[in-house]
Amino acid sequence: MLAMLLNREQREQLKQLGSLSTIGLELGLSIALGYLGGRWLDGKLGTEPWLQWIGLGLGLAAGARSLYRVVRRAQRMMEEEDESP
């Protein structure tokens, strides 16, 4: 229903905002899941604290990759917007 009240440009802006608003969630979840997964494996294998540090590193790397993808997507959207008359 809201989509009927907005024009095309406003819908595109909302789409971009929604895409960019996921940055914090993706970054936080990536780091938390990596750390907690490593901590869980440490408990199972008795290798504390090595796997939680490795999991944290992998979570940070996954978060950075996610952030990079979101920024690239935003750049493409801005370029497309600049190209359109």
PDB file of N, CA and C in Angstrom:
ATOM      1  N   MET A   1       0.810  -1.181   0.000  1.00  0.00           N
ATOM      2  CA  MET A   1       0.000   0.000   0.000  1.00  0.00           C
ATOM      3  C   MET A   1       0.862   1.256   0.000  1.00  0.00           C
ATOM      4  N   LEU A   2       1.962   1.227   0.760  1.00  0.00           N
ATOM      5  CA  LEU A   2       2.854   2.380   0.790  1.00  0.00           C
ATOM      6  C   LEU A   2       3.478   2.616  -0.584  1.00  0.00           C
ATOM      7  N   ALA A   3       3.761   1.520  -1.302  1.00  0.00           N
ATOM      8  CA  ALA A   3       4.371   1.645  -2.619  1.00  0.00           C
ATOM      9  C   ALA A   3       3.485   2.420  -3.585  1.00  0.00           C
ATOM     10  N   MET A   4       2.171   2.342  -3.411  1.00  0.00           N
ATOM     11  CA  MET A   4       1.265   3.068  -4.298  1.00  0.00           C
ATOM     12  C   MET A   4       1.315   4.572  -4.034  1.00  0.00           C
ATOM     13  N   LEU A   5       1.689   4.957  -2.832  1.00  0.00           N
ATOM     14  CA  LEU A   5       1.716   6.376  -2.477  1.00  0.00           C
ATOM     15  C   LEU A   5       3.022   7.060  -2.874  1.00  0.00           C
ATOM     16  N   LEU A   6       4.041   6.277  -3.183  1.00  0.00           N
ATOM     17  CA  LEU A   6       5.351   6.832  -3.512  1.00  0.00           C
ATOM     18  C   LEU A   6       5.591   6.789  -5.009  1.00  0.00           C
ATOM     19  N   ASN A   7       6.327   7.791  -5.485  1.00  0.00           N
ATOM     20  CA  ASN A   7       6.703   7.755  -6.894  1.00  0.00           C
ATOM     21  C   ASN A   7       7.933   6.868  -7.080  1.00  0.00           C
ATOM     22  N   ARG A   8       8.343   6.689  -8.308  1.00  0.00           N
ATOM     23  CA  ARG A   8       9.441   5.761  -8.621  1.00  0.00           C
ATOM     24  C   ARG A   8      10.736   6.158  -7.915  1.00  0.00           C
ATOM     25  N   GLU A   9      11.059   7.440  -7.917  1.00  0.00           N
ATOM     26  CA  GLU A   9      12.303   7.914  -7.291  1.00  0.00           C
ATOM     27  C   GLU A   9      12.296   7.655  -5.778  1.00  0.00           C
ATOM     28  N   GLN A  10      11.178   7.884  -5.140  1.00  0.00           N
ATOM     29  CA  GLN A  10      11.080   7.647  -3.707  1.00  0.00           C
ATOM     30  C   GLN A  10      11.199   6.161  -3.375  1.00  0.00           C
ATOM     31  N   ARG A  11      10.630   5.309  -4.227  1.00  0.00           N
ATOM     32  CA  ARG A  11      10.760   3.865  -4.010  1.00  0.00           C
ATOM     33  C   ARG A  11      12.212   3.422  -4.137  1.00  0.00           C
ATOM     34  N   GLU A  12      12.926   3.980  -5.106  1.00  0.00           N
ATOM     35  CA  GLU A  12      14.338   3.650  -5.288  1.00  0.00           C
ATOM     36  C   GLU A  12      15.159   4.108  -4.084  1.00  0.00           C
ATOM     37  N   GLN A  13      14.854   5.282  -3.556  1.00  0.00           N
ATOM     38  CA  GLN A  13      15.565   5.781  -2.383  1.00  0.00           C
ATOM     39  C   GLN A  13      15.323   4.887  -1.175  1.00  0.00           C
ATOM     40  N   LEU A  14      14.088   4.427  -0.985  1.00  0.00           N
ATOM     41  CA  LEU A  14      13.793   3.515   0.115  1.00  0.00           C
ATOM     42  C   LEU A  14      14.515   2.180  -0.057  1.00  0.00           C
ATOM     43  N   LYS A  15      14.613   1.728  -1.281  1.00  0.00           N
ATOM     44  CA  LYS A  15      15.325   0.484  -1.564  1.00  0.00           C
ATOM     45  C   LYS A  15      16.804   0.631  -1.208  1.00  0.00           C
ATOM     46  N   GLN A  16      17.409   1.753  -1.576  1.00  0.00           N
ATOM     47  CA  GLN A  16      18.809   2.009  -1.253  1.00  0.00           C
ATOM     48  C   GLN A  16      19.014   2.111   0.250  1.00  0.00           C
ATOM     49  N   LEU A  17      18.111   2.794   0.933  1.00  0.00           N
ATOM     50  CA  LEU A  17      18.211   2.926   2.378  1.00  0.00           C
ATOM     51  C   LEU A  17      18.112   1.565   3.057  1.00  0.00           C
ATOM     52  N   GLY A  18      17.213   0.733   2.605  1.00  0.00           N
ATOM     53  CA  GLY A  18      17.078  -0.607   3.164  1.00  0.00           C
ATOM     54  C   GLY A  18      18.330  -1.431   2.952  1.00  0.00           C
ATOM     55  N   SER A  19      18.924  -1.297   1.788  1.00  0.00           N
ATOM     56  CA  SER A  19      20.144  -2.030   1.484  1.00  0.00           C
ATOM     57  C   SER A  19      21.293  -1.584   2.386  1.00  0.00           C
ATOM     58  N   LEU A  20      21.408  -0.286   2.603  1.00  0.00           N
ATOM     59  CA  LEU A  20      22.503   0.236   3.417  1.00  0.00           C
ATOM     60  C   LEU A  20      22.278   0.027   4.908  1.00  0.00           C
ATOM     61  N   SER A  21      21.040  -0.121   5.313  1.00  0.00           N
ATOM     62  CA  SER A  21      20.761  -0.273   6.741  1.00  0.00           C
ATOM     63  C   SER A  21      21.145  -1.650   7.269  1.00  0.00           C
ATOM     64  N   THR A  22      21.487  -2.568   6.416  1.00  0.00           N
ATOM     65  CA  THR A  22      21.862  -3.909   6.855  1.00  0.00           C
ATOM     66  C   THR A  22      23.329  -4.013   7.247  1.00  0.00           C
ATOM     67  N   ILE A  23      24.107  -2.961   7.030  1.00  0.00           N
ATOM     68  CA  ILE A  23      25.555  -3.021   7.276  1.00  0.00           C
ATOM     69  C   ILE A  23      25.867  -3.424   8.709  1.00  0.00           C
ATOM     70  N   GLY A  24      25.288  -2.732   9.669  1.00  0.00           N
ATOM     71  CA  GLY A  24      25.584  -3.025  11.070  1.00  0.00           C
ATOM     72  C   GLY A  24      25.178  -4.423  11.476  1.00  0.00           C
ATOM     73  N   LEU A  25      24.033  -4.854  11.031  1.00  0.00           N
ATOM     74  CA  LEU A  25      23.549  -6.186  11.364  1.00  0.00           C
ATOM     75  C   LEU A  25      24.459  -7.263  10.784  1.00  0.00           C
ATOM     76  N   GLU A  26      24.827  -7.127   9.534  1.00  0.00           N
ATOM     77  CA  GLU A  26      25.696  -8.119   8.905  1.00  0.00           C
ATOM     78  C   GLU A  26      27.064  -8.166   9.565  1.00  0.00           C
ATOM     79  N   LEU A  27      27.621  -7.002   9.864  1.00  0.00           N
ATOM     80  CA  LEU A  27      28.944  -6.950  10.484  1.00  0.00           C
ATOM     81  C   LEU A  27      28.900  -7.568  11.880  1.00  0.00           C
ATOM     82  N   GLY A  28      27.932  -7.181  12.675  1.00  0.00           N
ATOM     83  CA  GLY A  28      27.823  -7.713  14.032  1.00  0.00           C
ATOM     84  C   GLY A  28      27.583  -9.208  14.069  1.00  0.00           C
ATOM     85  N   LEU A  29      26.686  -9.684  13.221  1.00  0.00           N
ATOM     86  CA  LEU A  29      26.398 -11.122  13.196  1.00  0.00           C
ATOM     87  C   LEU A  29      27.590 -11.939  12.721  1.00  0.00           C
ATOM     88  N   SER A  30      28.310 -11.435  11.747  1.00  0.00           N
ATOM     89  CA  SER A  30      29.485 -12.158  11.249  1.00  0.00           C
ATOM     90  C   SER A  30      30.519 -12.328  12.352  1.00  0.00           C
ATOM     91  N   ILE A  31      30.801 -11.255  13.063  1.00  0.00           N
ATOM     92  CA  ILE A  31      31.798 -11.314  14.125  1.00  0.00           C
ATOM     93  C   ILE A  31      31.315 -12.216  15.259  1.00  0.00           C
ATOM     94  N   ALA A  32      30.069 -12.039  15.683  1.00  0.00           N
ATOM     95  CA  ALA A  32      29.537 -12.829  16.792  1.00  0.00           C
ATOM     96  C   ALA A  32      29.500 -14.319  16.452  1.00  0.00           C
ATOM     97  N   LEU A  33      29.032 -14.657  15.271  1.00  0.00           N
ATOM     98  CA  LEU A  33      28.957 -16.073  14.895  1.00  0.00           C
ATOM     99  C   LEU A  33      30.344 -16.707  14.787  1.00  0.00           C
ATOM    100  N   GLY A  34      31.299 -15.965  14.237  1.00  0.00           N
ATOM    101  CA  GLY A  34      32.662 -16.494  14.160  1.00  0.00           C
ATOM    102  C   GLY A  34      33.249 -16.744  15.533  1.00  0.00           C
ATOM    103  N   TYR A  35      33.110 -15.773  16.421  1.00  0.00           N
ATOM    104  CA  TYR A  35      33.643 -15.903  17.773  1.00  0.00           C
ATOM    105  C   TYR A  35      32.951 -17.031  18.539  1.00  0.00           C
ATOM    106  N   LEU A  36      31.623 -17.028  18.524  1.00  0.00           N
ATOM    107  CA  LEU A  36      30.886 -18.042  19.277  1.00  0.00           C
ATOM    108  C   LEU A  36      31.092 -19.442  18.706  1.00  0.00           C
ATOM    109  N   GLY A  37      31.202 -19.533  17.390  1.00  0.00           N
ATOM    110  CA  GLY A  37      31.490 -20.838  16.781  1.00  0.00           C
ATOM    111  C   GLY A  37      32.859 -21.354  17.197  1.00  0.00           C
ATOM    112  N   GLY A  38      33.844 -20.477  17.228  1.00  0.00           N
ATOM    113  CA  GLY A  38      35.177 -20.874  17.681  1.00  0.00           C
ATOM    114  C   GLY A  38      35.195 -21.256  19.149  1.00  0.00           C
ATOM    115  N   ARG A  39      34.446 -20.514  19.944  1.00  0.00           N
ATOM    116  CA  ARG A  39      34.373 -20.813  21.373  1.00  0.00           C
ATOM    117  C   ARG A  39      33.705 -22.176  21.609  1.00  0.00           C
ATOM    118  N   TRP A  40      32.652 -22.454  20.844  1.00  0.00           N
ATOM    119  CA  TRP A  40      31.971 -23.739  20.965  1.00  0.00           C
ATOM    120  C   TRP A  40      32.913 -24.883  20.587  1.00  0.00           C
ATOM    121  N   LEU A  41      33.651 -24.696  19.482  1.00  0.00           N
ATOM    122  CA  LEU A  41      34.601 -25.732  19.065  1.00  0.00           C
ATOM    123  C   LEU A  41      35.700 -25.917  20.102  1.00  0.00           C
ATOM    124  N   ASP A  42      36.153 -24.815  20.711  1.00  0.00           N
ATOM    125  CA  ASP A  42      37.150 -24.922  21.770  1.00  0.00           C
ATOM    126  C   ASP A  42      36.636 -25.783  22.918  1.00  0.00           C
ATOM    127  N   GLY A  43      35.382 -25.601  23.282  1.00  0.00           N
ATOM    128  CA  GLY A  43      34.794 -26.401  24.358  1.00  0.00           C
ATOM    129  C   GLY A  43      34.724 -27.871  24.000  1.00  0.00           C
ATOM    130  N   LYS A  44      34.422 -28.161  22.749  1.00  0.00           N
ATOM    131  CA  LYS A  44      34.310 -29.560  22.302  1.00  0.00           C
ATOM    132  C   LYS A  44      35.676 -30.232  22.168  1.00  0.00           C
ATOM    133  N   LEU A  45      36.673 -29.459  21.693  1.00  0.00           N
ATOM    134  CA  LEU A  45      37.977 -30.052  21.392  1.00  0.00           C
ATOM    135  C   LEU A  45      39.023 -29.790  22.465  1.00  0.00           C
ATOM    136  N   GLY A  46      38.714 -28.905  23.430  1.00  0.00           N
ATOM    137  CA  GLY A  46      39.665 -28.598  24.496  1.00  0.00           C
ATOM    138  C   GLY A  46      40.881 -27.833  24.019  1.00  0.00           C
ATOM    139  N   THR A  47      40.691 -26.942  23.071  1.00  0.00           N
ATOM    140  CA  THR A  47      41.809 -26.193  22.495  1.00  0.00           C
ATOM    141  C   THR A  47      41.785 -24.713  22.875  1.00  0.00           C
ATOM    142  N   GLU A  48      41.140 -24.386  23.991  1.00  0.00           N
ATOM    143  CA  GLU A  48      40.970 -22.974  24.367  1.00  0.00           C
ATOM    144  C   GLU A  48      42.305 -22.255  24.421  1.00  0.00           C
ATOM    145  N   PRO A  49      42.419 -21.046  24.018  1.00  0.00           N
ATOM    146  CA  PRO A  49      41.480 -20.145  23.358  1.00  0.00           C
ATOM    147  C   PRO A  49      41.705 -20.050  21.856  1.00  0.00           C
ATOM    148  N   TRP A  50      42.414 -20.970  21.287  1.00  0.00           N
ATOM    149  CA  TRP A  50      42.874 -20.829  19.898  1.00  0.00           C
ATOM    150  C   TRP A  50      41.742 -20.742  18.880  1.00  0.00           C
ATOM    151  N   LEU A  51      40.791 -21.618  18.970  1.00  0.00           N
ATOM    152  CA  LEU A  51      39.739 -21.618  17.948  1.00  0.00           C
ATOM    153  C   LEU A  51      38.800 -20.416  18.072  1.00  0.00           C
ATOM    154  N   GLN A  52      38.628 -19.884  19.291  1.00  0.00           N
ATOM    155  CA  GLN A  52      37.795 -18.683  19.390  1.00  0.00           C
ATOM    156  C   GLN A  52      38.500 -17.494  18.755  1.00  0.00           C
ATOM    157  N   TRP A  53      39.822 -17.422  18.840  1.00  0.00           N
ATOM    158  CA  TRP A  53      40.557 -16.345  18.166  1.00  0.00           C
ATOM    159  C   TRP A  53      40.507 -16.529  16.651  1.00  0.00           C
ATOM    160  N   ILE A  54      40.637 -17.756  16.207  1.00  0.00           N
ATOM    161  CA  ILE A  54      40.527 -18.027  14.770  1.00  0.00           C
ATOM    162  C   ILE A  54      39.115 -17.703  14.282  1.00  0.00           C
ATOM    163  N   GLY A  55      38.110 -18.111  15.050  1.00  0.00           N
ATOM    164  CA  GLY A  55      36.721 -17.798  14.698  1.00  0.00           C
ATOM    165  C   GLY A  55      36.482 -16.300  14.657  1.00  0.00           C
ATOM    166  N   LEU A  56      37.051 -15.570  15.622  1.00  0.00           N
ATOM    167  CA  LEU A  56      36.919 -14.122  15.625  1.00  0.00           C
ATOM    168  C   LEU A  56      37.555 -13.520  14.376  1.00  0.00           C
ATOM    169  N   GLY A  57      38.733 -14.019  14.015  1.00  0.00           N
ATOM    170  CA  GLY A  57      39.404 -13.531  12.798  1.00  0.00           C
ATOM    171  C   GLY A  57      38.584 -13.814  11.550  1.00  0.00           C
ATOM    172  N   LEU A  58      38.027 -15.019  11.475  1.00  0.00           N
ATOM    173  CA  LEU A  58      37.186 -15.361  10.327  1.00  0.00           C
ATOM    174  C   LEU A  58      35.911 -14.520  10.310  1.00  0.00           C
ATOM    175  N   GLY A  59      35.350 -14.254  11.487  1.00  0.00           N
ATOM    176  CA  GLY A  59      34.170 -13.399  11.576  1.00  0.00           C
ATOM    177  C   GLY A  59      34.471 -11.980  11.125  1.00  0.00           C
ATOM    178  N   LEU A  60      35.628 -11.466  11.544  1.00  0.00           N
ATOM    179  CA  LEU A  60      36.031 -10.124  11.097  1.00  0.00           C
ATOM    180  C   LEU A  60      36.230 -10.081   9.586  1.00  0.00           C
ATOM    181  N   ALA A  61      36.846 -11.121   9.047  1.00  0.00           N
ATOM    182  CA  ALA A  61      37.060 -11.180   7.597  1.00  0.00           C
ATOM    183  C   ALA A  61      35.722 -11.255   6.860  1.00  0.00           C
ATOM    184  N   ALA A  62      34.803 -12.066   7.362  1.00  0.00           N
ATOM    185  CA  ALA A  62      33.483 -12.175   6.731  1.00  0.00           C
ATOM    186  C   ALA A  62      32.731 -10.848   6.834  1.00  0.00           C
ATOM    187  N   GLY A  63      32.843 -10.174   7.969  1.00  0.00           N
ATOM    188  CA  GLY A  63      32.199  -8.873   8.132  1.00  0.00           C
ATOM    189  C   GLY A  63      32.783  -7.831   7.198  1.00  0.00           C
ATOM    190  N   ALA A  64      34.098  -7.832   7.051  1.00  0.00           N
ATOM    191  CA  ALA A  64      34.748  -6.888   6.138  1.00  0.00           C
ATOM    192  C   ALA A  64      34.327  -7.156   4.694  1.00  0.00           C
ATOM    193  N   ARG A  65      34.235  -8.425   4.338  1.00  0.00           N
ATOM    194  CA  ARG A  65      33.797  -8.782   2.980  1.00  0.00           C
ATOM    195  C   ARG A  65      32.359  -8.325   2.739  1.00  0.00           C
ATOM    196  N   SER A  66      31.517  -8.514   3.722  1.00  0.00           N
ATOM    197  CA  SER A  66      30.126  -8.085   3.618  1.00  0.00           C
ATOM    198  C   SER A  66      30.038  -6.571   3.481  1.00  0.00           C
ATOM    199  N   LEU A  67      30.819  -5.859   4.281  1.00  0.00           N
ATOM    200  CA  LEU A  67      30.852  -4.402   4.205  1.00  0.00           C
ATOM    201  C   LEU A  67      31.322  -3.941   2.830  1.00  0.00           C
ATOM    202  N   TYR A  68      32.347  -4.589   2.308  1.00  0.00           N
ATOM    203  CA  TYR A  68      32.863  -4.261   0.979  1.00  0.00           C
ATOM    204  C   TYR A  68      31.796  -4.456  -0.089  1.00  0.00           C
ATOM    205  N   ARG A  69      31.041  -5.565   0.002  1.00  0.00           N
ATOM    206  CA  ARG A  69      29.989  -5.831  -0.988  1.00  0.00           C
ATOM    207  C   ARG A  69      28.881  -4.789  -0.918  1.00  0.00           C
ATOM    208  N   VAL A  70      28.498  -4.364   0.283  1.00  0.00           N
ATOM    209  CA  VAL A  70      27.446  -3.360   0.433  1.00  0.00           C
ATOM    210  C   VAL A  70      27.911  -2.020  -0.128  1.00  0.00           C
ATOM    211  N   VAL A  71      29.163  -1.652   0.137  1.00  0.00           N
ATOM    212  CA  VAL A  71      29.693  -0.388  -0.376  1.00  0.00           C
ATOM    213  C   VAL A  71      29.752  -0.417  -1.901  1.00  0.00           C
ATOM    214  N   ARG A  72      30.196  -1.538  -2.476  1.00  0.00           N
ATOM    215  CA  ARG A  72      30.243  -1.651  -3.945  1.00  0.00           C
ATOM    216  C   ARG A  72      28.839  -1.532  -4.547  1.00  0.00           C
ATOM    217  N   ARG A  73      27.858  -2.177  -3.906  1.00  0.00           N
ATOM    218  CA  ARG A  73      26.482  -2.111  -4.387  1.00  0.00           C
ATOM    219  C   ARG A  73      25.973  -0.669  -4.337  1.00  0.00           C
ATOM    220  N   ALA A  74      26.296   0.054  -3.264  1.00  0.00           N
ATOM    221  CA  ALA A  74      25.870   1.451  -3.135  1.00  0.00           C
ATOM    222  C   ALA A  74      26.539   2.319  -4.195  1.00  0.00           C
ATOM    223  N   GLN A  75      27.809   2.052  -4.478  1.00  0.00           N
ATOM    224  CA  GLN A  75      28.502   2.802  -5.521  1.00  0.00           C
ATOM    225  C   GLN A  75      27.858   2.573  -6.885  1.00  0.00           C
ATOM    226  N   ARG A  76      27.507   1.328  -7.181  1.00  0.00           N
ATOM    227  CA  ARG A  76      26.850   1.035  -8.457  1.00  0.00           C
ATOM    228  C   ARG A  76      25.507   1.755  -8.552  1.00  0.00           C
ATOM    229  N   MET A  77      24.743   1.760  -7.453  1.00  0.00           N
ATOM    230  CA  MET A  77      23.458   2.459  -7.462  1.00  0.00           C
ATOM    231  C   MET A  77      23.640   3.956  -7.715  1.00  0.00           C
ATOM    232  N   MET A  78      24.661   4.531  -7.091  1.00  0.00           N
ATOM    233  CA  MET A  78      24.906   5.958  -7.276  1.00  0.00           C
ATOM    234  C   MET A  78      25.351   6.257  -8.700  1.00  0.00           C
ATOM    235  N   GLU A  79      26.173   5.382  -9.276  1.00  0.00           N
ATOM    236  CA  GLU A  79      26.614   5.566 -10.651  1.00  0.00           C
ATOM    237  C   GLU A  79      25.427   5.469 -11.620  1.00  0.00           C
ATOM    238  N   GLU A  80      24.542   4.494 -11.386  1.00  0.00           N
ATOM    239  CA  GLU A  80      23.364   4.350 -12.230  1.00  0.00           C
ATOM    240  C   GLU A  80      22.468   5.566 -12.119  1.00  0.00           C
ATOM    241  N   GLU A  81      22.371   6.112 -10.917  1.00  0.00           N
ATOM    242  CA  GLU A  81      21.545   7.295 -10.706  1.00  0.00           C
ATOM    243  C   GLU A  81      22.149   8.507 -11.439  1.00  0.00           C
ATOM    244  N   ASP A  82      23.473   8.615 -11.434  1.00  0.00           N
ATOM    245  CA  ASP A  82      24.131   9.733 -12.117  1.00  0.00           C
ATOM    246  C   ASP A  82      24.004   9.614 -13.624  1.00  0.00           C
ATOM    247  N   GLU A  83      23.975   8.398 -14.152  1.00  0.00           N
ATOM    248  CA  GLU A  83      23.883   8.190 -15.590  1.00  0.00           C
ATOM    249  C   GLU A  83      22.482   8.444 -16.131  1.00  0.00           C
ATOM    250  N   SER A  84      21.471   8.221 -15.317  1.00  0.00           N
ATOM    251  CA  SER A  84      20.101   8.419 -15.802  1.00  0.00           C
ATOM    252  C   SER A  84      19.780   9.905 -15.896  1.00  0.00           C
ATOM    253  N   PRO A  85      19.028  10.281 -16.951  1.00  0.00           N
ATOM    254  CA  PRO A  85      18.732  11.708 -17.168  1.00  0.00           C
ATOM    255  C   PRO A  85      17.725  12.257 -16.195  1.00  0.00           C
TER     256      PRO A  85
END
